[in-house]
N, C-alpha and C. Protein backbone atom coordinates (compact mmCIF):
# COMPACT_ATOMS: atom_id res chain seq x y z
N MET A 1 86.89 155.55 81.97
CA MET A 1 86.31 156.63 82.78
C MET A 1 84.96 156.89 83.15
N THR A 2 85.06 158.32 84.04
CA THR A 2 83.88 158.48 84.81
C THR A 2 84.01 159.77 84.87
N ASN A 3 82.16 160.58 84.99
CA ASN A 3 82.22 161.97 85.03
C ASN A 3 80.54 162.25 85.07
N PHE A 4 80.40 163.37 85.21
CA PHE A 4 79.22 164.24 85.89
C PHE A 4 78.29 163.86 84.29
N ILE A 5 77.31 164.02 84.04
CA ILE A 5 75.97 163.95 83.19
C ILE A 5 75.28 164.68 83.79
N PRO A 6 73.65 165.35 82.68
CA PRO A 6 72.60 165.80 83.40
C PRO A 6 71.80 164.32 82.65
N ILE A 7 70.45 164.18 83.40
CA ILE A 7 70.40 162.68 82.91
C ILE A 7 68.52 163.78 82.52
N PHE A 8 68.31 162.84 81.92
CA PHE A 8 67.19 162.51 80.99
C PHE A 8 66.10 160.96 81.32
N PRO A 9 65.79 160.57 82.41
CA PRO A 9 65.26 159.69 82.78
C PRO A 9 63.74 159.07 81.19
N LEU A 10 64.21 158.17 80.53
CA LEU A 10 62.93 157.97 80.04
C LEU A 10 62.04 156.70 80.03
N PRO A 11 61.10 155.76 79.75
CA PRO A 11 60.48 154.63 79.54
C PRO A 11 60.80 154.24 77.62
N VAL A 12 62.28 154.28 78.03
CA VAL A 12 62.94 153.81 76.17
C VAL A 12 64.18 153.38 76.11
N VAL A 13 64.72 152.41 74.99
CA VAL A 13 66.16 152.00 75.68
C VAL A 13 66.30 152.38 74.46
N VAL A 14 67.23 153.09 74.90
CA VAL A 14 68.26 154.00 73.49
C VAL A 14 69.60 153.00 73.73
N TYR A 15 69.62 153.32 72.13
CA TYR A 15 71.19 152.88 71.86
C TYR A 15 72.33 153.24 71.34
N PRO A 16 74.03 153.08 70.76
CA PRO A 16 74.47 154.51 70.83
C PRO A 16 74.06 153.95 68.96
N ASP A 17 74.45 155.19 68.38
CA ASP A 17 74.21 155.46 67.10
C ASP A 17 73.04 155.91 66.76
N GLU A 18 71.84 155.76 67.52
CA GLU A 18 69.96 155.68 66.97
C GLU A 18 69.78 156.64 67.48
N ARG A 19 68.97 157.75 66.11
CA ARG A 19 68.20 158.68 66.04
C ARG A 19 67.09 158.59 66.99
N ILE A 20 66.57 159.24 67.79
CA ILE A 20 65.35 159.36 68.95
C ILE A 20 64.66 160.97 68.80
N ASN A 21 63.43 161.07 68.18
CA ASN A 21 62.92 162.17 68.36
C ASN A 21 62.21 162.68 69.95
N LEU A 22 61.95 163.61 70.76
CA LEU A 22 61.65 163.92 71.93
C LEU A 22 61.25 164.99 71.63
N HIS A 23 59.82 165.31 72.09
CA HIS A 23 59.15 167.06 72.78
C HIS A 23 59.54 167.03 74.02
N ILE A 24 60.15 167.98 74.46
CA ILE A 24 60.48 168.58 75.52
C ILE A 24 59.04 169.85 76.30
N PHE A 25 58.66 169.23 77.09
CA PHE A 25 57.45 170.19 78.07
C PHE A 25 57.76 170.26 79.14
N GLU A 26 58.30 170.01 80.28
CA GLU A 26 58.91 169.85 81.77
C GLU A 26 60.12 170.76 81.30
N PRO A 27 59.55 172.01 82.74
CA PRO A 27 60.74 173.15 82.60
C PRO A 27 61.84 172.76 83.26
N ARG A 28 62.04 170.88 84.12
CA ARG A 28 63.58 170.91 83.85
C ARG A 28 64.38 170.47 83.04
N TYR A 29 63.66 169.96 81.58
CA TYR A 29 64.03 168.80 80.47
C TYR A 29 64.55 170.36 79.83
N LYS A 30 63.39 170.95 79.75
CA LYS A 30 63.33 173.04 78.63
C LYS A 30 64.72 173.35 79.13
N GLN A 31 65.39 173.23 80.43
CA GLN A 31 66.64 173.78 80.98
C GLN A 31 67.99 173.04 80.90
N LEU A 32 67.39 171.93 80.53
CA LEU A 32 68.81 170.27 80.80
C LEU A 32 68.85 171.43 78.69
N ILE A 33 68.57 171.13 78.21
CA ILE A 33 68.06 171.14 76.64
C ILE A 33 68.75 172.50 76.12
N SER A 34 68.40 173.69 76.74
CA SER A 34 68.43 174.51 76.20
C SER A 34 70.21 175.11 76.89
N GLU A 35 70.90 174.30 77.84
CA GLU A 35 71.81 174.69 78.28
C GLU A 35 72.88 173.51 77.77
N CYS A 36 72.71 172.14 76.41
CA CYS A 36 73.57 171.45 75.99
C CYS A 36 73.00 171.78 74.88
N MET A 37 72.33 173.32 74.38
CA MET A 37 71.96 173.51 73.10
C MET A 37 73.43 174.69 72.61
N GLN A 38 73.65 175.19 74.12
CA GLN A 38 74.21 176.40 74.62
C GLN A 38 75.57 176.17 74.69
N GLN A 39 75.44 175.59 75.36
CA GLN A 39 77.11 174.80 75.84
C GLN A 39 77.80 173.32 74.89
N LYS A 40 76.63 173.20 73.98
CA LYS A 40 77.49 171.28 73.02
C LYS A 40 77.88 170.30 73.81
N LYS A 41 76.80 170.75 74.75
CA LYS A 41 77.28 169.28 75.66
C LYS A 41 76.24 168.25 75.29
N PRO A 42 76.38 166.30 75.79
CA PRO A 42 75.70 165.87 76.04
C PRO A 42 75.07 165.49 77.26
N PHE A 43 74.44 164.62 76.92
CA PHE A 43 73.39 164.82 78.59
C PHE A 43 72.83 162.52 78.17
N GLY A 44 72.52 162.24 78.89
CA GLY A 44 72.18 160.91 79.55
C GLY A 44 70.55 160.57 79.74
N ILE A 45 70.43 159.09 79.33
CA ILE A 45 68.88 158.99 78.60
C ILE A 45 69.49 157.73 79.37
N PRO A 46 69.07 157.67 81.26
CA PRO A 46 68.91 155.58 81.37
C PRO A 46 67.70 155.32 81.97
N ALA A 47 67.40 153.99 80.91
CA ALA A 47 66.28 153.95 80.52
C ALA A 47 65.60 153.43 82.46
N VAL A 48 64.16 154.06 82.11
CA VAL A 48 63.57 154.20 83.46
C VAL A 48 61.81 152.80 83.21
N ILE A 49 62.11 150.91 83.48
CA ILE A 49 61.61 150.19 83.37
C ILE A 49 60.84 150.02 84.35
N ASN A 50 58.92 149.69 84.43
CA ASN A 50 58.32 149.81 85.62
C ASN A 50 59.01 150.35 86.70
N ASP A 51 58.41 151.56 86.12
CA ASP A 51 58.47 152.73 86.61
C ASP A 51 59.87 153.21 88.66
N LYS A 52 61.08 151.99 88.01
CA LYS A 52 62.09 152.12 88.47
C LYS A 52 63.67 152.74 87.13
N MET A 53 63.69 153.88 87.60
CA MET A 53 65.46 153.70 87.28
C MET A 53 66.99 153.26 86.83
N LYS A 54 66.65 152.18 85.70
CA LYS A 54 67.86 151.36 85.62
C LYS A 54 69.13 151.73 85.58
N GLU A 55 70.21 151.29 85.43
CA GLU A 55 71.37 150.79 86.04
C GLU A 55 72.44 151.73 84.87
N TYR A 56 71.57 151.52 83.70
CA TYR A 56 72.77 151.77 82.47
C TYR A 56 71.76 152.37 81.48
N GLY A 57 72.45 153.13 80.90
CA GLY A 57 71.41 153.60 79.68
C GLY A 57 73.23 154.94 78.44
N THR A 58 72.26 155.41 77.95
CA THR A 58 72.89 155.52 77.04
C THR A 58 73.27 157.48 76.83
N LEU A 59 74.23 157.42 76.54
CA LEU A 59 74.74 159.12 76.50
C LEU A 59 74.43 159.40 75.09
N VAL A 60 73.66 160.51 75.21
CA VAL A 60 73.79 161.60 73.36
C VAL A 60 73.47 162.27 73.20
N HIS A 61 74.06 162.94 72.29
CA HIS A 61 73.88 164.60 71.70
C HIS A 61 73.13 165.11 70.97
N LEU A 62 72.77 166.49 71.29
CA LEU A 62 71.58 167.16 70.78
C LEU A 62 72.09 166.93 69.48
N VAL A 63 71.33 166.52 68.60
CA VAL A 63 71.19 166.76 67.14
C VAL A 63 70.71 168.01 66.10
N LYS A 64 68.92 168.33 66.31
CA LYS A 64 68.85 169.52 66.50
C LYS A 64 67.55 169.94 66.66
N VAL A 65 67.50 171.02 67.19
CA VAL A 65 66.19 171.39 67.76
C VAL A 65 64.99 172.20 66.17
N GLU A 66 63.82 171.38 65.78
CA GLU A 66 62.93 171.01 64.64
C GLU A 66 62.35 172.33 65.17
N LYS A 67 62.11 172.39 66.02
CA LYS A 67 60.35 172.97 66.81
C LYS A 67 60.79 173.96 68.05
N GLU A 68 60.66 175.78 68.03
CA GLU A 68 60.49 175.28 68.85
C GLU A 68 59.26 176.11 69.00
N TYR A 69 58.18 176.18 70.20
CA TYR A 69 57.37 176.22 70.83
C TYR A 69 57.53 178.05 71.39
N PRO A 70 55.83 179.11 71.94
CA PRO A 70 55.47 179.90 72.20
C PRO A 70 56.07 179.77 73.96
N GLY A 71 55.82 179.00 74.71
CA GLY A 71 55.64 178.32 75.60
C GLY A 71 56.88 177.19 76.15
N GLY A 72 57.86 177.86 74.88
CA GLY A 72 59.54 177.24 75.94
C GLY A 72 59.15 175.40 75.62
N GLU A 73 58.51 174.86 74.81
CA GLU A 73 59.02 173.47 74.50
C GLU A 73 59.30 173.66 73.07
N MET A 74 59.61 172.33 72.98
CA MET A 74 60.76 172.14 72.22
C MET A 74 60.38 170.61 70.82
N ASP A 75 60.28 170.08 70.06
CA ASP A 75 61.13 169.30 69.21
C ASP A 75 62.47 169.24 68.73
N ILE A 76 62.34 167.80 69.26
CA ILE A 76 64.05 168.12 68.85
C ILE A 76 64.29 166.73 68.87
N ARG A 77 65.75 166.01 68.11
CA ARG A 77 66.49 165.26 67.40
C ARG A 77 67.66 164.83 67.93
N ALA A 78 67.91 163.56 68.89
CA ALA A 78 68.93 163.32 69.89
C ALA A 78 69.52 161.83 69.23
N GLU A 79 70.92 161.91 69.26
CA GLU A 79 71.85 160.51 68.46
C GLU A 79 72.74 160.23 69.39
N GLY A 80 72.25 158.65 70.03
CA GLY A 80 73.01 158.25 70.45
C GLY A 80 74.27 157.89 70.88
N ILE A 81 75.47 158.25 71.84
CA ILE A 81 76.67 158.00 71.37
C ILE A 81 77.19 157.05 71.99
N LYS A 82 77.18 156.71 73.01
CA LYS A 82 77.75 155.39 74.15
C LYS A 82 77.44 155.09 75.07
N VAL A 83 76.93 153.87 75.61
CA VAL A 83 76.37 152.85 77.19
C VAL A 83 76.91 153.85 77.93
N PHE A 84 76.82 153.61 78.92
CA PHE A 84 76.83 154.03 80.40
C PHE A 84 76.53 153.46 81.11
N ARG A 85 77.24 152.90 82.82
CA ARG A 85 76.69 152.80 83.96
C ARG A 85 76.50 154.04 84.81
N VAL A 86 75.64 154.03 85.55
CA VAL A 86 75.43 155.12 87.15
C VAL A 86 76.08 154.14 87.77
N LEU A 87 76.49 155.03 88.19
CA LEU A 87 77.28 155.03 89.64
C LEU A 87 77.21 155.77 90.94
N GLU A 88 76.64 156.85 90.68
CA GLU A 88 75.75 158.12 91.98
C GLU A 88 74.61 158.65 91.06
N VAL A 89 73.89 158.65 91.35
CA VAL A 89 72.56 159.67 91.15
C VAL A 89 72.65 161.05 92.08
N ILE A 90 72.56 162.05 91.53
CA ILE A 90 72.64 163.79 92.05
C ILE A 90 71.44 164.31 91.86
N ARG A 91 70.25 163.78 92.86
CA ARG A 91 69.44 164.46 92.61
C ARG A 91 68.80 165.71 92.39
N GLU A 92 70.26 166.58 93.32
CA GLU A 92 69.78 168.20 93.27
C GLU A 92 71.42 168.61 93.21
N VAL A 93 70.90 169.62 92.06
CA VAL A 93 73.28 169.61 91.45
C VAL A 93 72.02 171.08 91.50
N PRO A 94 73.67 172.10 91.72
CA PRO A 94 73.22 173.02 92.14
C PRO A 94 72.85 174.27 91.20
N ASP A 95 71.35 174.95 91.53
CA ASP A 95 70.93 176.44 90.54
C ASP A 95 70.54 175.34 89.17
N LYS A 96 70.34 174.08 89.24
CA LYS A 96 69.35 173.41 88.21
C LYS A 96 68.15 172.54 88.82
N LEU A 97 67.25 172.19 87.62
CA LEU A 97 66.01 171.63 88.40
C LEU A 97 66.17 170.35 87.53
N TYR A 98 67.08 170.15 87.11
CA TYR A 98 66.93 168.72 85.91
C TYR A 98 68.07 168.31 87.43
N ALA A 99 68.52 166.62 87.16
CA ALA A 99 69.03 165.39 87.86
C ALA A 99 70.14 165.18 86.90
N GLY A 100 71.24 164.46 87.93
CA GLY A 100 72.32 164.28 87.46
C GLY A 100 72.67 163.08 87.62
N ALA A 101 74.27 162.44 87.15
CA ALA A 101 74.67 161.51 87.59
C ALA A 101 76.24 160.95 87.65
N ILE A 102 76.65 160.71 88.14
CA ILE A 102 78.04 160.30 88.23
C ILE A 102 78.08 158.45 87.10
N VAL A 103 78.50 158.96 86.17
CA VAL A 103 78.50 157.28 85.30
C VAL A 103 79.96 157.52 84.94
N HIS A 104 79.96 155.88 84.30
CA HIS A 104 81.17 155.16 83.96
C HIS A 104 80.88 154.45 82.37
N TYR A 105 81.57 154.66 81.64
CA TYR A 105 81.81 154.22 80.48
C TYR A 105 82.34 152.98 80.00
N PRO A 106 81.48 151.95 79.92
CA PRO A 106 82.96 150.83 80.54
C PRO A 106 83.03 149.88 79.06
N ARG A 107 84.02 149.81 78.41
CA ARG A 107 84.36 149.32 77.62
C ARG A 107 83.43 148.20 76.50
N ASN A 108 83.00 148.48 75.34
CA ASN A 108 81.87 148.43 74.26
C ASN A 108 82.87 147.67 72.98
N ILE A 109 82.81 146.16 72.81
CA ILE A 109 83.45 145.82 71.58
C ILE A 109 82.69 146.20 70.85
N ARG A 110 82.79 146.61 69.23
CA ARG A 110 81.57 146.44 68.50
C ARG A 110 81.96 145.57 67.34
N LYS A 111 83.38 144.81 67.60
CA LYS A 111 83.46 143.93 66.49
C LYS A 111 82.58 142.76 66.91
N GLY A 112 81.99 142.26 65.50
CA GLY A 112 81.64 141.48 65.63
C GLY A 112 81.79 140.40 64.77
N SER A 113 79.96 139.65 63.64
CA SER A 113 80.46 138.35 62.73
C SER A 113 79.63 138.67 61.80
N LEU A 114 79.99 138.72 60.77
CA LEU A 114 78.79 138.88 58.89
C LEU A 114 77.87 137.88 58.86
N GLU A 115 78.36 136.62 59.35
CA GLU A 115 77.71 135.67 58.74
C GLU A 115 76.87 135.59 59.65
N LEU A 116 77.17 136.34 61.27
CA LEU A 116 75.89 135.33 62.25
C LEU A 116 74.85 136.64 61.76
N MET A 117 74.67 137.60 62.07
CA MET A 117 74.19 139.49 61.25
C MET A 117 73.27 139.06 60.31
N GLN A 118 73.96 138.55 58.69
CA GLN A 118 73.61 137.98 57.72
C GLN A 118 72.06 137.07 58.54
N LYS A 119 72.36 136.27 59.17
CA LYS A 119 71.15 135.04 59.44
C LYS A 119 70.14 136.08 60.49
N ILE A 120 70.71 136.68 61.30
CA ILE A 120 69.92 137.48 62.28
C ILE A 120 68.76 138.22 61.04
N LEU A 121 69.47 139.04 60.10
CA LEU A 121 68.26 139.87 59.35
C LEU A 121 67.81 138.84 57.97
N ARG A 122 67.50 137.78 57.76
CA ARG A 122 66.94 136.76 57.40
C ARG A 122 65.59 136.58 58.05
N SER A 123 65.92 136.30 59.32
CA SER A 123 65.47 135.78 60.52
C SER A 123 64.28 137.24 61.11
N ILE A 124 64.31 138.78 61.00
CA ILE A 124 64.03 139.70 61.17
C ILE A 124 63.44 140.20 60.00
N ARG A 125 63.27 139.68 58.28
CA ARG A 125 62.90 139.86 57.49
C ARG A 125 61.52 139.01 57.64
N GLU A 126 62.13 137.37 57.74
CA GLU A 126 60.43 136.45 58.41
C GLU A 126 59.97 136.64 59.60
N LEU A 127 60.48 137.34 60.33
CA LEU A 127 59.71 138.11 60.94
C LEU A 127 58.32 138.90 60.44
N HIS A 128 59.28 140.12 59.72
CA HIS A 128 58.75 141.79 59.12
C HIS A 128 57.31 141.64 58.33
N ALA A 129 57.88 139.70 57.92
CA ALA A 129 56.75 139.69 56.93
C ALA A 129 55.75 138.40 57.15
N VAL A 130 56.18 137.63 58.38
CA VAL A 130 54.24 137.30 59.20
C VAL A 130 53.57 138.03 59.87
N LEU A 131 54.93 139.77 60.44
CA LEU A 131 53.26 140.13 60.54
C LEU A 131 53.70 141.66 59.38
N ARG A 132 53.65 141.71 58.23
CA ARG A 132 53.11 142.23 57.42
C ARG A 132 54.19 143.71 57.65
N VAL A 133 55.04 143.89 58.05
CA VAL A 133 56.19 144.91 58.16
C VAL A 133 56.65 145.02 57.25
N THR A 134 56.94 146.61 56.45
CA THR A 134 57.79 147.02 56.12
C THR A 134 59.48 147.62 55.95
N LYS A 135 60.36 147.66 56.34
CA LYS A 135 61.08 148.37 56.43
C LYS A 135 62.43 148.08 55.83
N ASP A 136 62.96 149.29 56.09
CA ASP A 136 64.65 148.94 55.26
C ASP A 136 65.80 150.39 55.86
N PHE A 137 66.26 149.57 56.46
CA PHE A 137 67.65 149.87 57.29
C PHE A 137 67.85 150.47 56.60
N SER A 138 68.87 151.89 56.94
CA SER A 138 69.47 153.20 56.51
C SER A 138 70.69 152.69 56.10
N LYS A 139 71.77 151.32 56.39
CA LYS A 139 72.69 150.96 55.72
C LYS A 139 72.44 149.65 54.75
N PRO A 140 73.16 149.50 54.25
CA PRO A 140 73.86 147.62 53.59
C PRO A 140 74.16 146.99 54.91
N ASP A 141 73.55 146.34 54.30
CA ASP A 141 73.18 145.57 55.04
C ASP A 141 74.85 144.94 55.88
N ASP A 142 75.19 144.41 54.97
CA ASP A 142 77.11 144.52 55.69
C ASP A 142 77.77 145.97 56.01
N GLU A 143 76.48 146.81 56.57
CA GLU A 143 77.42 147.57 57.49
C GLU A 143 76.48 147.94 59.51
N LEU A 144 75.61 146.83 58.91
CA LEU A 144 74.99 146.86 59.88
C LEU A 144 75.68 146.54 61.07
N LEU A 145 75.06 146.69 62.25
CA LEU A 145 75.52 146.47 63.75
C LEU A 145 74.19 145.61 64.47
N SER A 146 74.55 144.79 65.49
CA SER A 146 73.24 144.79 66.05
C SER A 146 72.45 146.12 66.74
N TYR A 147 73.12 147.19 67.12
CA TYR A 147 72.08 148.23 67.89
C TYR A 147 71.21 148.88 66.30
N ASP A 148 71.90 148.16 65.32
CA ASP A 148 70.84 149.40 64.25
C ASP A 148 69.29 148.14 63.45
N VAL A 149 69.63 147.39 64.44
CA VAL A 149 68.29 146.65 64.80
C VAL A 149 67.63 145.81 65.61
N ALA A 150 68.37 146.28 66.89
CA ALA A 150 67.60 145.26 67.93
C ALA A 150 66.01 145.44 67.89
N HIS A 151 65.83 146.66 67.82
CA HIS A 151 65.03 147.53 68.24
C HIS A 151 63.36 147.09 66.45
N HIS A 152 63.79 147.30 65.74
CA HIS A 152 62.97 145.90 65.10
C HIS A 152 63.14 144.27 64.58
N SER A 153 63.05 143.99 66.45
CA SER A 153 63.33 142.02 66.33
C SER A 153 62.25 141.64 67.40
N GLY A 154 61.45 142.59 67.70
CA GLY A 154 60.35 141.96 68.51
C GLY A 154 60.65 142.03 69.54
N LEU A 155 61.60 142.48 70.18
CA LEU A 155 62.12 142.16 71.60
C LEU A 155 60.91 143.60 73.46
N SER A 156 60.94 143.09 73.75
CA SER A 156 60.12 143.20 74.67
C SER A 156 61.03 144.78 75.71
N THR A 157 60.39 145.55 76.15
CA THR A 157 61.22 146.71 77.00
C THR A 157 62.23 146.48 78.20
N GLU A 158 61.73 144.80 78.64
CA GLU A 158 62.88 144.86 79.32
C GLU A 158 64.14 144.07 78.85
N GLU A 159 63.21 142.39 77.75
CA GLU A 159 64.55 142.34 77.28
C GLU A 159 65.33 143.54 75.95
N GLU A 160 65.24 144.55 75.83
CA GLU A 160 65.79 145.75 75.27
C GLU A 160 67.43 145.84 76.13
N TYR A 161 66.36 146.25 77.23
CA TYR A 161 67.53 146.77 78.20
C TYR A 161 67.75 146.27 78.84
N ASP A 162 67.92 144.58 78.96
CA ASP A 162 68.75 142.81 79.11
C ASP A 162 70.25 143.44 77.55
N PHE A 163 69.67 143.70 76.60
CA PHE A 163 69.97 144.00 74.89
C PHE A 163 71.18 144.99 75.24
N LEU A 164 70.70 146.27 76.09
CA LEU A 164 71.67 147.41 76.47
C LEU A 164 72.80 146.48 77.45
N CYS A 165 72.40 145.41 78.17
CA CYS A 165 74.02 145.79 79.07
C CYS A 165 74.83 144.86 77.99
N LEU A 166 74.29 144.07 77.62
CA LEU A 166 76.10 143.83 76.70
C LEU A 166 76.30 144.00 76.25
N LEU A 167 77.77 143.68 76.28
CA LEU A 167 78.84 144.63 76.16
C LEU A 167 79.79 144.55 74.82
N HIS A 168 79.26 143.52 74.34
CA HIS A 168 80.23 142.66 72.91
C HIS A 168 78.77 142.51 72.28
N GLU A 169 80.14 143.01 70.85
CA GLU A 169 79.12 142.46 69.75
C GLU A 169 78.74 141.15 69.31
N LEU A 170 79.57 140.28 69.58
CA LEU A 170 79.34 138.70 69.86
C LEU A 170 78.10 137.84 70.40
N GLN A 171 78.04 138.86 72.03
CA GLN A 171 77.47 138.56 72.99
C GLN A 171 76.00 140.01 72.89
N ARG A 172 75.61 140.36 71.28
CA ARG A 172 74.31 140.66 71.60
C ARG A 172 73.48 140.06 70.45
N LEU A 173 74.97 139.78 69.17
CA LEU A 173 74.24 139.13 67.86
C LEU A 173 73.28 137.49 67.90
N GLU A 174 74.51 137.03 69.57
CA GLU A 174 74.02 135.63 69.83
C GLU A 174 72.57 135.79 70.58
N TYR A 175 72.18 136.78 71.07
CA TYR A 175 71.22 137.45 72.08
C TYR A 175 70.30 137.39 70.84
N LEU A 176 70.56 138.58 70.03
CA LEU A 176 69.24 138.33 69.06
C LEU A 176 68.72 136.62 68.35
N LYS A 177 69.94 136.23 68.27
CA LYS A 177 69.27 134.89 66.83
C LYS A 177 68.64 134.45 68.45
N ARG A 178 69.06 133.91 69.41
CA ARG A 178 68.27 132.81 70.41
C ARG A 178 66.67 133.51 69.77
N HIS A 179 66.99 134.96 70.44
CA HIS A 179 65.00 135.11 70.47
C HIS A 179 64.85 135.43 69.19
N LEU A 180 65.43 135.73 67.77
CA LEU A 180 64.77 135.41 66.89
C LEU A 180 64.19 133.93 66.49
N GLU A 181 64.77 132.94 67.08
CA GLU A 181 64.58 131.59 67.07
C GLU A 181 63.34 131.07 67.44
N LYS A 182 62.85 131.80 68.38
CA LYS A 182 61.99 131.56 69.01
C LYS A 182 60.42 132.50 69.27
N VAL A 183 60.82 133.73 68.62
CA VAL A 183 59.49 133.86 68.32
C VAL A 183 59.03 133.77 66.92
N VAL A 184 60.31 133.88 65.38
CA VAL A 184 59.54 133.42 64.96
C VAL A 184 58.68 132.46 64.17
N PRO A 185 59.12 131.50 64.78
CA PRO A 185 58.05 130.29 64.37
C PRO A 185 56.50 130.53 65.61
N LEU A 186 56.82 130.86 66.29
CA LEU A 186 55.63 131.32 67.79
C LEU A 186 54.89 132.49 66.71
N MET A 187 55.50 133.64 66.06
CA MET A 187 54.71 134.26 65.25
C MET A 187 54.15 133.51 63.47
N SER A 188 54.37 133.12 63.49
CA SER A 188 53.79 132.22 62.29
C SER A 188 52.69 131.14 62.25
N GLU A 189 53.11 130.29 63.74
CA GLU A 189 51.86 129.85 64.79
C GLU A 189 50.86 130.62 64.89
N MET A 190 50.71 131.52 65.29
CA MET A 190 50.02 132.48 65.26
C MET A 190 49.14 133.03 64.32
N GLU A 191 49.77 133.62 63.01
CA GLU A 191 48.96 133.72 61.45
C GLU A 191 48.25 132.56 61.31
N LYS A 192 49.18 131.79 61.91
CA LYS A 192 47.74 130.36 60.64
C LYS A 192 46.99 130.32 61.94
N LEU A 193 47.41 130.37 63.28
CA LEU A 193 45.68 130.30 63.41
C LEU A 193 44.82 130.98 63.74
N LYS A 194 45.41 132.63 63.27
CA LYS A 194 44.54 133.33 62.61
C LYS A 194 43.62 133.18 61.45
N GLU A 195 44.55 132.32 60.71
CA GLU A 195 44.02 132.69 59.46
C GLU A 195 42.72 131.24 59.20
N ARG A 196 43.16 130.24 60.20
CA ARG A 196 42.45 129.20 60.46
C ARG A 196 41.06 129.58 61.41
N VAL A 197 40.76 130.74 62.27
CA VAL A 197 39.97 130.92 63.55
C VAL A 197 38.89 131.89 62.15
N LYS A 198 39.40 132.62 60.91
CA LYS A 198 38.98 133.33 59.70
C LYS A 198 38.39 132.28 59.03
N LEU A 199 38.95 131.11 58.59
CA LEU A 199 37.89 130.29 57.70
C LEU A 199 37.12 129.77 59.01
N ASN A 200 36.36 129.09 59.99
CA ASN A 200 35.72 129.02 60.22
C ASN A 200 34.43 129.21 59.97
N GLY A 201 33.21 128.51 60.10
CA GLY A 201 31.90 128.96 59.76
C GLY A 201 31.89 129.33 58.87
N HIS A 202 32.77 129.19 57.61
CA HIS A 202 32.66 129.31 56.05
C HIS A 202 32.63 128.29 54.65
N PHE A 203 31.83 128.33 53.96
CA PHE A 203 32.09 126.86 53.25
C PHE A 203 33.48 127.76 52.51
N ARG A 204 33.85 126.31 52.90
CA ARG A 204 35.22 125.79 51.69
C ARG A 204 35.66 124.78 51.39
N ASN A 205 36.07 124.92 49.39
CA ASN A 205 36.14 123.42 49.34
C ASN A 205 37.30 122.95 49.29
N LEU A 206 37.13 121.85 49.96
CA LEU A 206 38.18 120.70 50.40
C LEU A 206 37.86 118.90 49.76
N SER A 207 39.74 118.80 49.62
CA SER A 207 38.65 117.69 48.59
C SER A 207 40.53 116.58 49.70
N VAL A 208 40.43 115.15 49.29
CA VAL A 208 41.24 114.31 49.62
C VAL A 208 41.15 113.39 49.00
N ASP A 209 43.08 113.48 47.58
CA ASP A 209 42.80 112.50 46.87
C ASP A 209 42.32 110.93 47.35
N ASP A 210 42.09 110.19 46.37
CA ASP A 210 42.24 108.43 46.50
C ASP A 210 41.22 108.38 47.70
N PHE A 211 40.00 109.00 48.22
CA PHE A 211 39.38 108.55 48.90
C PHE A 211 38.16 108.43 48.03
């Protein structure tokens, strides 16, 4: 399926089913959100990385306008629907301040592996324990998909974008597994190093048996 959508490029990666809060203050995006609110139509958030708009993004719908300000600014809540690929950017849309794009929605397979997800969740919780972070997911473990946990796995923005471009759940799970296999031991070693640095110069009660 191919169609035209208004676009709101942002320096973030949004995933399907993800909730995102935005403060709308630019005139072009105030117009875009107002139209989406009135016409109940979705808009696209293509990822912008290193000041360059990328090929893939996520279609989102407006969930709620949380607050409207006297100058027309808005606090909104939106939710991801599905991944799109930009075929052509339309920078000048008649009578609009915002740009648009002709996009295609590639097939995205959501069926994964519960066993692999459980392994990933154990690694994520180990990472969070090392970082002293507390995170409760909004769904039971057996209902979680890779999109639900990706932002909590310590990916860089570039890695989050690479992850967005994967269109099969098993590929996404494998990507997270490999990433966590690298980052968890690294962060554990860094935490041990911090503790050693803290101890340096302090009186320590040390002993070695049999000497």
